[in-house]
Structures are given as structure tokens and as C-alpha cells.
Amino acid sequence: VHTFRGPHWCEYCANFMWGLIAQGVRCSDCGLNVHKQCSKHVPND
């Protein structure tokens, strides 16, 4: 879970990440930023 500073878009569905804190999740290994729900559908790549 990650709090993004400034506007951010999900790199999976390309939709805006709403909210002020904990708007989504970030992969600590590659830096991919996605919605929490979208993270369930991201391939193992």
C-alpha cells in the first residue's frame, strides 16, 4: 500500500487514483503503480 503525492493514474487500467492517502499499491521491486483491486489482475511479469 502506497500514498502517492500529486495526481496518479493506474498503470493497469489507466484510470485515476482517487483519494488523499493510500490511493493504491506500488511494487517495491519494479515500481509498478496500480489500484489495489487491479493488483489482483496484474500478470506475473
All heavy atoms as atom14 arrays in JSON, in Angstrom:
{
  "sequence": "VHTFRGPHWCEYCANFMWGLIAQGVRCSDCGLNVHKQCSKHVPND",
  "atom14_mask": [
    [1, 1, 1, 1, 1, 1, 1, 0, 0, 0, 0, 0, 0, 0],
    [1, 1, 1, 1, 1, 1, 1, 1, 1, 1, 0, 0, 0, 0],
    [1, 1, 1, 1, 1, 1, 1, 0, 0, 0, 0, 0, 0, 0],
    [1, 1, 1, 1, 1, 1, 1, 1, 1, 1, 1, 0, 0, 0],
    [1, 1, 1, 1, 1, 1, 1, 1, 1, 1, 1, 0, 0, 0],
    [1, 1, 1, 1, 0, 0, 0, 0, 0, 0, 0, 0, 0, 0],
    [1, 1, 1, 1, 1, 1, 1, 0, 0, 0, 0, 0, 0, 0],
    [1, 1, 1, 1, 1, 1, 1, 1, 1, 1, 0, 0, 0, 0],
    [1, 1, 1, 1, 1, 1, 1, 1, 1, 1, 1, 1, 1, 1],
    [1, 1, 1, 1, 1, 1, 0, 0, 0, 0, 0, 0, 0, 0],
    [1, 1, 1, 1, 1, 1, 1, 1, 1, 0, 0, 0, 0, 0],
    [1, 1, 1, 1, 1, 1, 1, 1, 1, 1, 1, 1, 0, 0],
    [1, 1, 1, 1, 1, 1, 0, 0, 0, 0, 0, 0, 0, 0],
    [1, 1, 1, 1, 1, 0, 0, 0, 0, 0, 0, 0, 0, 0],
    [1, 1, 1, 1, 1, 1, 1, 1, 0, 0, 0, 0, 0, 0],
    [1, 1, 1, 1, 1, 1, 1, 1, 1, 1, 1, 0, 0, 0],
    [1, 1, 1, 1, 1, 1, 1, 1, 0, 0, 0, 0, 0, 0],
    [1, 1, 1, 1, 1, 1, 1, 1, 1, 1, 1, 1, 1, 1],
    [1, 1, 1, 1, 0, 0, 0, 0, 0, 0, 0, 0, 0, 0],
    [1, 1, 1, 1, 1, 1, 1, 1, 0, 0, 0, 0, 0, 0],
    [1, 1, 1, 1, 1, 1, 1, 1, 0, 0, 0, 0, 0, 0],
    [1, 1, 1, 1, 1, 0, 0, 0, 0, 0, 0, 0, 0, 0],
    [1, 1, 1, 1, 1, 1, 1, 1, 1, 0, 0, 0, 0, 0],
    [1, 1, 1, 1, 0, 0, 0, 0, 0, 0, 0, 0, 0, 0],
    [1, 1, 1, 1, 1, 1, 1, 0, 0, 0, 0, 0, 0, 0],
    [1, 1, 1, 1, 1, 1, 1, 1, 1, 1, 1, 0, 0, 0],
    [1, 1, 1, 1, 1, 1, 0, 0, 0, 0, 0, 0, 0, 0],
    [1, 1, 1, 1, 1, 1, 0, 0, 0, 0, 0, 0, 0, 0],
    [1, 1, 1, 1, 1, 1, 1, 1, 0, 0, 0, 0, 0, 0],
    [1, 1, 1, 1, 1, 1, 0, 0, 0, 0, 0, 0, 0, 0],
    [1, 1, 1, 1, 0, 0, 0, 0, 0, 0, 0, 0, 0, 0],
    [1, 1, 1, 1, 1, 1, 1, 1, 0, 0, 0, 0, 0, 0],
    [1, 1, 1, 1, 1, 1, 1, 1, 0, 0, 0, 0, 0, 0],
    [1, 1, 1, 1, 1, 1, 1, 0, 0, 0, 0, 0, 0, 0],
    [1, 1, 1, 1, 1, 1, 1, 1, 1, 1, 0, 0, 0, 0],
    [1, 1, 1, 1, 1, 1, 1, 1, 1, 0, 0, 0, 0, 0],
    [1, 1, 1, 1, 1, 1, 1, 1, 1, 0, 0, 0, 0, 0],
    [1, 1, 1, 1, 1, 1, 0, 0, 0, 0, 0, 0, 0, 0],
    [1, 1, 1, 1, 1, 1, 0, 0, 0, 0, 0, 0, 0, 0],
    [1, 1, 1, 1, 1, 1, 1, 1, 1, 0, 0, 0, 0, 0],
    [1, 1, 1, 1, 1, 1, 1, 1, 1, 1, 0, 0, 0, 0],
    [1, 1, 1, 1, 1, 1, 1, 0, 0, 0, 0, 0, 0, 0],
    [1, 1, 1, 1, 1, 1, 1, 0, 0, 0, 0, 0, 0, 0],
    [1, 1, 1, 1, 1, 1, 1, 1, 0, 0, 0, 0, 0, 0],
    [1, 1, 1, 1, 1, 1, 1, 1, 0, 0, 0, 0, 0, 0]
  ],
  "atom14_positions": [
    [[0.85, -1.19, 0.0], [0.0, 0.0, 0.0], [0.88, 1.24, 0.0], [1.87, 1.33, 0.74], [-0.93, 0.01, 1.23], [-1.74, 1.3, 1.29], [-1.87, -1.19, 1.19], [0.0, 0.0, 0.0], [0.0, 0.0, 0.0], [0.0, 0.0, 0.0], [0.0, 0.0, 0.0], [0.0, 0.0, 0.0], [0.0, 0.0, 0.0], [0.0, 0.0, 0.0]],
    [[0.51, 2.21, -0.86], [1.35, 3.39, -1.03], [0.5, 4.66, -1.1], [-0.6, 4.65, -1.66], [2.18, 3.25, -2.32], [3.23, 4.3, -2.48], [4.43, 4.25, -1.8], [3.26, 5.43, -3.23], [5.16, 5.3, -2.15], [4.47, 6.03, -3.01], [0.0, 0.0, 0.0], [0.0, 0.0, 0.0], [0.0, 0.0, 0.0], [0.0, 0.0, 0.0]],
    [[1.03, 5.72, -0.51], [0.39, 7.04, -0.62], [1.15, 7.86, -1.66], [2.35, 8.12, -1.5], [0.41, 7.76, 0.74], [-0.38, 7.02, 1.68], [-0.19, 9.17, 0.61], [0.0, 0.0, 0.0], [0.0, 0.0, 0.0], [0.0, 0.0, 0.0], [0.0, 0.0, 0.0], [0.0, 0.0, 0.0], [0.0, 0.0, 0.0], [0.0, 0.0, 0.0]],
    [[0.45, 8.23, -2.72], [1.08, 8.96, -3.82], [0.93, 10.46, -3.62], [-0.13, 10.95, -3.19], [0.43, 8.55, -5.15], [0.6, 7.1, -5.49], [-0.4, 6.17, -5.17], [1.74, 6.64, -6.11], [-0.25, 4.84, -5.46], [1.9, 5.3, -6.41], [0.9, 4.39, -6.09], [0.0, 0.0, 0.0], [0.0, 0.0, 0.0], [0.0, 0.0, 0.0]],
    [[1.98, 11.18, -3.91], [1.94, 12.63, -3.85], [1.61, 13.18, -5.23], [2.29, 12.87, -6.2], [3.28, 13.19, -3.37], [3.63, 12.78, -1.94], [4.95, 13.38, -1.52], [5.29, 12.98, -0.14], [6.41, 13.35, 0.49], [7.3, 14.11, -0.14], [6.63, 12.95, 1.72], [0.0, 0.0, 0.0], [0.0, 0.0, 0.0], [0.0, 0.0, 0.0]],
    [[0.57, 13.99, -5.29], [0.16, 14.52, -6.58], [-0.72, 13.53, -7.31], [-0.93, 12.4, -6.86], [0.0, 0.0, 0.0], [0.0, 0.0, 0.0], [0.0, 0.0, 0.0], [0.0, 0.0, 0.0], [0.0, 0.0, 0.0], [0.0, 0.0, 0.0], [0.0, 0.0, 0.0], [0.0, 0.0, 0.0], [0.0, 0.0, 0.0], [0.0, 0.0, 0.0]],
    [[-1.25, 13.9, -8.46], [-2.16, 13.03, -9.23], [-1.41, 11.81, -9.79], [-0.29, 11.93, -10.28], [-2.67, 13.94, -10.34], [-1.63, 15.0, -10.48], [-1.05, 15.22, -9.12], [0.0, 0.0, 0.0], [0.0, 0.0, 0.0], [0.0, 0.0, 0.0], [0.0, 0.0, 0.0], [0.0, 0.0, 0.0], [0.0, 0.0, 0.0], [0.0, 0.0, 0.0]],
    [[-2.08, 10.64, -9.71], [-1.5, 9.41, -10.24], [-2.57, 8.6, -10.95], [-3.73, 8.59, -10.54], [-0.86, 8.58, -9.12], [0.61, 8.79, -8.99], [1.15, 9.9, -8.36], [1.67, 8.05, -9.41], [2.47, 9.82, -8.4], [2.81, 8.71, -9.02], [0.0, 0.0, 0.0], [0.0, 0.0, 0.0], [0.0, 0.0, 0.0], [0.0, 0.0, 0.0]],
    [[-2.15, 7.91, -12.0], [-3.05, 7.05, -12.75], [-2.58, 5.59, -12.63], [-1.38, 5.32, -12.57], [-3.08, 7.47, -14.21], [-3.91, 8.69, -14.47], [-5.19, 8.74, -14.93], [-3.5, 10.05, -14.28], [-5.62, 10.04, -15.03], [-4.6, 10.88, -14.63], [-2.33, 10.67, -13.82], [-4.57, 12.25, -14.56], [-2.3, 12.05, -13.73], [-3.41, 12.83, -14.11]],
    [[-3.54, 4.71, -12.6], [-3.23, 3.28, -12.51], [-2.56, 2.82, -13.8], [-3.06, 3.09, -14.9], [-4.52, 2.49, -12.27], [-4.3, 0.68, -12.29], [0.0, 0.0, 0.0], [0.0, 0.0, 0.0], [0.0, 0.0, 0.0], [0.0, 0.0, 0.0], [0.0, 0.0, 0.0], [0.0, 0.0, 0.0], [0.0, 0.0, 0.0], [0.0, 0.0, 0.0]],
    [[-1.45, 2.12, -13.67], [-0.7, 1.66, -14.85], [-1.28, 0.38, -15.45], [-0.77, -0.11, -16.45], [0.77, 1.44, -14.47], [1.48, 2.73, -14.09], [2.93, 2.48, -13.67], [3.63, 1.69, -14.35], [3.35, 3.06, -12.65], [0.0, 0.0, 0.0], [0.0, 0.0, 0.0], [0.0, 0.0, 0.0], [0.0, 0.0, 0.0], [0.0, 0.0, 0.0]],
    [[-2.35, -0.12, -14.83], [-3.01, -1.31, -15.38], [-4.28, -0.93, -16.13], [-4.47, -1.33, -17.29], [-3.34, -2.3, -14.25], [-4.02, -3.56, -14.75], [-3.29, -4.56, -15.39], [-5.39, -3.74, -14.59], [-3.92, -5.72, -15.86], [-6.02, -4.89, -15.05], [-5.28, -5.88, -15.68], [-5.9, -7.01, -16.14], [0.0, 0.0, 0.0], [0.0, 0.0, 0.0]],
    [[-5.16, -0.16, -15.47], [-6.44, 0.2, -16.12], [-6.44, 1.61, -16.68], [-7.39, 2.01, -17.36], [-7.6, 0.04, -15.13], [-7.6, 1.25, -13.79], [0.0, 0.0, 0.0], [0.0, 0.0, 0.0], [0.0, 0.0, 0.0], [0.0, 0.0, 0.0], [0.0, 0.0, 0.0], [0.0, 0.0, 0.0], [0.0, 0.0, 0.0], [0.0, 0.0, 0.0]],
    [[-5.39, 2.38, -16.39], [-5.23, 3.76, -16.89], [-6.24, 4.74, -16.3], [-6.38, 5.86, -16.8], [-5.28, 3.79, -18.42], [0.0, 0.0, 0.0], [0.0, 0.0, 0.0], [0.0, 0.0, 0.0], [0.0, 0.0, 0.0], [0.0, 0.0, 0.0], [0.0, 0.0, 0.0], [0.0, 0.0, 0.0], [0.0, 0.0, 0.0], [0.0, 0.0, 0.0]],
    [[-6.94, 4.37, -15.23], [-7.89, 5.27, -14.57], [-7.21, 6.0, -13.41], [-6.21, 5.54, -12.86], [-9.11, 4.48, -14.06], [-10.0, 4.01, -15.2], [-10.2, 4.73, -16.18], [-10.51, 2.79, -15.09], [0.0, 0.0, 0.0], [0.0, 0.0, 0.0], [0.0, 0.0, 0.0], [0.0, 0.0, 0.0], [0.0, 0.0, 0.0], [0.0, 0.0, 0.0]],
    [[-7.82, 7.13, -13.03], [-7.25, 7.98, -11.99], [-7.32, 7.3, -10.63], [-8.26, 6.55, -10.34], [-8.02, 9.31, -11.94], [-7.4, 10.32, -11.03], [-6.23, 10.97, -11.36], [-7.99, 10.62, -9.8], [-5.66, 11.91, -10.51], [-7.43, 11.55, -8.94], [-6.27, 12.2, -9.31], [0.0, 0.0, 0.0], [0.0, 0.0, 0.0], [0.0, 0.0, 0.0]],
    [[-6.32, 7.54, -9.79], [-6.31, 7.02, -8.43], [-6.87, 8.1, -7.49], [-6.23, 9.13, -7.28], [-4.89, 6.63, -7.99], [-4.32, 5.42, -8.71], [-2.69, 4.98, -8.05], [-2.33, 3.5, -8.97], [0.0, 0.0, 0.0], [0.0, 0.0, 0.0], [0.0, 0.0, 0.0], [0.0, 0.0, 0.0], [0.0, 0.0, 0.0], [0.0, 0.0, 0.0]],
    [[-8.06, 7.86, -6.99], [-8.73, 8.84, -6.14], [-8.3, 8.7, -4.69], [-7.91, 7.63, -4.24], [-10.25, 8.7, -6.25], [-10.78, 8.97, -7.63], [-11.05, 8.06, -8.59], [-11.07, 10.24, -8.2], [-11.5, 8.66, -9.74], [-11.51, 10.01, -9.52], [-10.99, 11.56, -7.73], [-11.89, 11.04, -10.38], [-11.37, 12.59, -8.58], [-11.81, 12.33, -9.89]],
    [[-8.4, 9.81, -3.95], [-8.12, 9.8, -2.53], [-6.9, 10.63, -2.18], [-6.14, 11.07, -3.05], [0.0, 0.0, 0.0], [0.0, 0.0, 0.0], [0.0, 0.0, 0.0], [0.0, 0.0, 0.0], [0.0, 0.0, 0.0], [0.0, 0.0, 0.0], [0.0, 0.0, 0.0], [0.0, 0.0, 0.0], [0.0, 0.0, 0.0], [0.0, 0.0, 0.0]],
    [[-6.75, 10.84, -0.86], [-5.63, 11.64, -0.38], [-4.5, 10.77, 0.17], [-3.33, 11.14, 0.09], [-6.11, 12.6, 0.73], [-7.17, 13.64, 0.3], [-7.62, 14.45, 1.5], [-6.6, 14.56, -0.78], [0.0, 0.0, 0.0], [0.0, 0.0, 0.0], [0.0, 0.0, 0.0], [0.0, 0.0, 0.0], [0.0, 0.0, 0.0], [0.0, 0.0, 0.0]],
    [[-4.85, 9.61, 0.72], [-3.83, 8.68, 1.24], [-4.17, 7.27, 0.8], [-5.33, 6.95, 0.52], [-3.73, 8.73, 2.78], [-5.07, 8.36, 3.42], [-3.26, 10.1, 3.25], [-4.99, 8.19, 4.93], [0.0, 0.0, 0.0], [0.0, 0.0, 0.0], [0.0, 0.0, 0.0], [0.0, 0.0, 0.0], [0.0, 0.0, 0.0], [0.0, 0.0, 0.0]],
    [[-3.14, 6.43, 0.73], [-3.3, 5.01, 0.36], [-4.19, 4.85, -0.87], [-5.13, 4.05, -0.87], [-3.87, 4.23, 1.55], [0.0, 0.0, 0.0], [0.0, 0.0, 0.0], [0.0, 0.0, 0.0], [0.0, 0.0, 0.0], [0.0, 0.0, 0.0], [0.0, 0.0, 0.0], [0.0, 0.0, 0.0], [0.0, 0.0, 0.0], [0.0, 0.0, 0.0]],
    [[-3.88, 5.61, -1.94], [-4.71, 5.57, -3.14], [-4.56, 4.25, -3.91], [-5.42, 3.87, -4.7], [-4.35, 6.73, -4.09], [-4.46, 8.1, -3.46], [-3.11, 8.6, -2.98], [-2.32, 7.84, -2.47], [-2.86, 9.9, -3.15], [0.0, 0.0, 0.0], [0.0, 0.0, 0.0], [0.0, 0.0, 0.0], [0.0, 0.0, 0.0], [0.0, 0.0, 0.0]],
    [[-3.45, 3.57, -3.72], [-3.22, 2.33, -4.46], [-2.05, 1.55, -3.89], [-1.69, 1.73, -2.71], [0.0, 0.0, 0.0], [0.0, 0.0, 0.0], [0.0, 0.0, 0.0], [0.0, 0.0, 0.0], [0.0, 0.0, 0.0], [0.0, 0.0, 0.0], [0.0, 0.0, 0.0], [0.0, 0.0, 0.0], [0.0, 0.0, 0.0], [0.0, 0.0, 0.0]],
    [[-1.46, 0.71, -4.7], [-0.3, -0.08, -4.26], [0.85, 0.09, -5.25], [0.63, 0.39, -6.43], [-0.67, -1.58, -4.15], [-1.66, -1.8, -3.02], [-1.22, -2.13, -5.46], [0.0, 0.0, 0.0], [0.0, 0.0, 0.0], [0.0, 0.0, 0.0], [0.0, 0.0, 0.0], [0.0, 0.0, 0.0], [0.0, 0.0, 0.0], [0.0, 0.0, 0.0]],
    [[2.06, -0.09, -4.74], [3.26, 0.01, -5.58], [4.11, -1.24, -5.38], [4.28, -1.72, -4.25], [4.07, 1.25, -5.22], [5.47, 1.28, -5.83], [6.19, 2.58, -5.52], [5.66, 3.67, -6.31], [6.05, 4.95, -6.18], [6.97, 5.26, -5.28], [5.53, 5.88, -6.94], [0.0, 0.0, 0.0], [0.0, 0.0, 0.0], [0.0, 0.0, 0.0]],
    [[4.63, -1.78, -6.49], [5.54, -2.93, -6.4], [6.9, -2.42, -5.94], [7.51, -1.58, -6.6], [5.66, -3.63, -7.75], [6.84, -5.01, -7.73], [0.0, 0.0, 0.0], [0.0, 0.0, 0.0], [0.0, 0.0, 0.0], [0.0, 0.0, 0.0], [0.0, 0.0, 0.0], [0.0, 0.0, 0.0], [0.0, 0.0, 0.0], [0.0, 0.0, 0.0]],
    [[7.35, -2.92, -4.81], [8.62, -2.46, -4.25], [9.83, -2.96, -5.04], [10.94, -2.49, -4.82], [8.75, -2.91, -2.79], [8.65, -4.31, -2.68], [0.0, 0.0, 0.0], [0.0, 0.0, 0.0], [0.0, 0.0, 0.0], [0.0, 0.0, 0.0], [0.0, 0.0, 0.0], [0.0, 0.0, 0.0], [0.0, 0.0, 0.0], [0.0, 0.0, 0.0]],
    [[9.6, -3.92, -5.95], [10.71, -4.46, -6.75], [10.87, -3.77, -8.1], [11.99, -3.56, -8.56], [10.52, -5.96, -6.97], [10.62, -6.75, -5.68], [11.32, -6.27, -4.75], [10.0, -7.82, -5.58], [0.0, 0.0, 0.0], [0.0, 0.0, 0.0], [0.0, 0.0, 0.0], [0.0, 0.0, 0.0], [0.0, 0.0, 0.0], [0.0, 0.0, 0.0]],
    [[9.74, -3.43, -8.74], [9.84, -2.81, -10.08], [9.21, -1.43, -10.15], [9.36, -0.73, -11.15], [9.22, -3.73, -11.14], [7.42, -3.87, -11.04], [0.0, 0.0, 0.0], [0.0, 0.0, 0.0], [0.0, 0.0, 0.0], [0.0, 0.0, 0.0], [0.0, 0.0, 0.0], [0.0, 0.0, 0.0], [0.0, 0.0, 0.0], [0.0, 0.0, 0.0]],
    [[8.43, -1.04, -9.12], [7.85, 0.3, -9.09], [6.51, 0.44, -9.79], [6.04, 1.56, -9.99], [0.0, 0.0, 0.0], [0.0, 0.0, 0.0], [0.0, 0.0, 0.0], [0.0, 0.0, 0.0], [0.0, 0.0, 0.0], [0.0, 0.0, 0.0], [0.0, 0.0, 0.0], [0.0, 0.0, 0.0], [0.0, 0.0, 0.0], [0.0, 0.0, 0.0]],
    [[5.85, -0.65, -10.18], [4.56, -0.57, -10.86], [3.5, -0.02, -9.9], [3.38, -0.48, -8.76], [4.15, -1.96, -11.35], [2.84, -2.05, -12.13], [2.99, -1.39, -13.5], [2.4, -3.51, -12.3], [0.0, 0.0, 0.0], [0.0, 0.0, 0.0], [0.0, 0.0, 0.0], [0.0, 0.0, 0.0], [0.0, 0.0, 0.0], [0.0, 0.0, 0.0]],
    [[2.72, 0.98, -10.36], [1.68, 1.61, -9.54], [0.3, 1.26, -10.09], [0.0, 1.55, -11.24], [1.86, 3.14, -9.55], [3.23, 3.55, -9.1], [3.75, 3.05, -8.1], [3.86, 4.49, -9.82], [0.0, 0.0, 0.0], [0.0, 0.0, 0.0], [0.0, 0.0, 0.0], [0.0, 0.0, 0.0], [0.0, 0.0, 0.0], [0.0, 0.0, 0.0]],
    [[-0.53, 0.63, -9.25], [-1.86, 0.23, -9.69], [-2.86, 0.37, -8.55], [-2.48, 0.53, -7.38], [-1.88, -1.25, -10.18], [-1.0, -1.44, -11.4], [-1.46, -2.2, -9.06], [0.0, 0.0, 0.0], [0.0, 0.0, 0.0], [0.0, 0.0, 0.0], [0.0, 0.0, 0.0], [0.0, 0.0, 0.0], [0.0, 0.0, 0.0], [0.0, 0.0, 0.0]],
    [[-4.17, 0.33, -8.91], [-5.2, 0.25, -7.9], [-5.06, -1.05, -7.11], [-4.55, -2.05, -7.64], [-6.6, 0.28, -8.53], [-6.98, 1.6, -9.12], [-7.16, 1.8, -10.46], [-7.22, 2.8, -8.51], [-7.51, 3.05, -10.69], [-7.54, 3.69, -9.53], [0.0, 0.0, 0.0], [0.0, 0.0, 0.0], [0.0, 0.0, 0.0], [0.0, 0.0, 0.0]],
    [[-5.55, -1.04, -5.87], [-5.49, -2.25, -5.06], [-6.26, -3.39, -5.72], [-5.82, -4.54, -5.74], [-6.05, -1.97, -3.67], [-5.87, -3.13, -2.7], [-6.35, -2.78, -1.31], [-6.16, -3.94, -0.35], [-6.62, -3.6, 1.02], [0.0, 0.0, 0.0], [0.0, 0.0, 0.0], [0.0, 0.0, 0.0], [0.0, 0.0, 0.0], [0.0, 0.0, 0.0]],
    [[-7.44, -3.06, -6.29], [-8.24, -4.08, -6.97], [-7.57, -4.57, -8.26], [-7.63, -5.75, -8.59], [-9.65, -3.54, -7.28], [-10.5, -3.31, -6.04], [-10.73, -4.59, -5.25], [-10.96, -5.65, -5.82], [-10.67, -4.48, -3.93], [0.0, 0.0, 0.0], [0.0, 0.0, 0.0], [0.0, 0.0, 0.0], [0.0, 0.0, 0.0], [0.0, 0.0, 0.0]],
    [[-6.93, -3.63, -8.95], [-6.26, -4.01, -10.21], [-5.06, -4.94, -9.95], [-4.7, -5.74, -10.82], [-5.78, -2.76, -10.94], [-7.12, -1.78, -11.66], [0.0, 0.0, 0.0], [0.0, 0.0, 0.0], [0.0, 0.0, 0.0], [0.0, 0.0, 0.0], [0.0, 0.0, 0.0], [0.0, 0.0, 0.0], [0.0, 0.0, 0.0], [0.0, 0.0, 0.0]],
    [[-4.47, -4.83, -8.76], [-3.29, -5.66, -8.44], [-3.61, -7.15, -8.49], [-2.72, -7.97, -8.69], [-2.73, -5.29, -7.07], [-3.64, -5.65, -6.04], [0.0, 0.0, 0.0], [0.0, 0.0, 0.0], [0.0, 0.0, 0.0], [0.0, 0.0, 0.0], [0.0, 0.0, 0.0], [0.0, 0.0, 0.0], [0.0, 0.0, 0.0], [0.0, 0.0, 0.0]],
    [[-4.88, -7.5, -8.32], [-5.3, -8.9, -8.37], [-5.29, -9.45, -9.78], [-5.3, -10.67, -9.98], [-6.69, -9.05, -7.77], [-6.8, -8.59, -6.32], [-8.23, -8.66, -5.82], [-8.35, -8.14, -4.39], [-9.76, -8.15, -3.91], [0.0, 0.0, 0.0], [0.0, 0.0, 0.0], [0.0, 0.0, 0.0], [0.0, 0.0, 0.0], [0.0, 0.0, 0.0]],
    [[-5.29, -8.57, -10.77], [-5.38, -9.0, -12.17], [-4.07, -8.79, -12.95], [-3.97, -9.21, -14.1], [-6.5, -8.22, -12.88], [-7.82, -8.29, -12.17], [-8.56, -9.45, -12.11], [-8.51, -7.36, -11.46], [-9.67, -9.23, -11.41], [-9.66, -7.97, -11.0], [0.0, 0.0, 0.0], [0.0, 0.0, 0.0], [0.0, 0.0, 0.0], [0.0, 0.0, 0.0]],
    [[-3.09, -8.15, -12.31], [-1.82, -7.9, -12.99], [-1.08, -9.22, -13.2], [-0.97, -10.03, -12.27], [-0.95, -6.93, -12.16], [0.44, -6.78, -12.78], [-1.62, -5.58, -12.03], [0.0, 0.0, 0.0], [0.0, 0.0, 0.0], [0.0, 0.0, 0.0], [0.0, 0.0, 0.0], [0.0, 0.0, 0.0], [0.0, 0.0, 0.0], [0.0, 0.0, 0.0]],
    [[-0.58, -9.51, -14.4], [0.15, -10.77, -14.65], [1.46, -10.82, -13.88], [1.98, -9.78, -13.45], [0.38, -10.75, -16.17], [0.29, -9.31, -16.56], [-0.7, -8.68, -15.63], [0.0, 0.0, 0.0], [0.0, 0.0, 0.0], [0.0, 0.0, 0.0], [0.0, 0.0, 0.0], [0.0, 0.0, 0.0], [0.0, 0.0, 0.0], [0.0, 0.0, 0.0]],
    [[2.0, -12.02, -13.74], [3.27, -12.21, -13.02], [4.44, -11.86, -13.92], [5.22, -12.73, -14.35], [3.37, -13.65, -12.52], [2.28, -14.03, -11.57], [1.73, -13.18, -10.86], [1.94, -15.31, -11.52], [0.0, 0.0, 0.0], [0.0, 0.0, 0.0], [0.0, 0.0, 0.0], [0.0, 0.0, 0.0], [0.0, 0.0, 0.0], [0.0, 0.0, 0.0]],
    [[4.55, -10.57, -14.23], [5.58, -10.12, -15.17], [6.52, -9.1, -14.55], [7.03, -8.21, -15.23], [4.93, -9.55, -16.44], [4.0, -8.38, -16.13], [3.78, -8.08, -14.93], [3.48, -7.75, -17.08], [0.0, 0.0, 0.0], [0.0, 0.0, 0.0], [0.0, 0.0, 0.0], [0.0, 0.0, 0.0], [0.0, 0.0, 0.0], [0.0, 0.0, 0.0]]
  ]
}
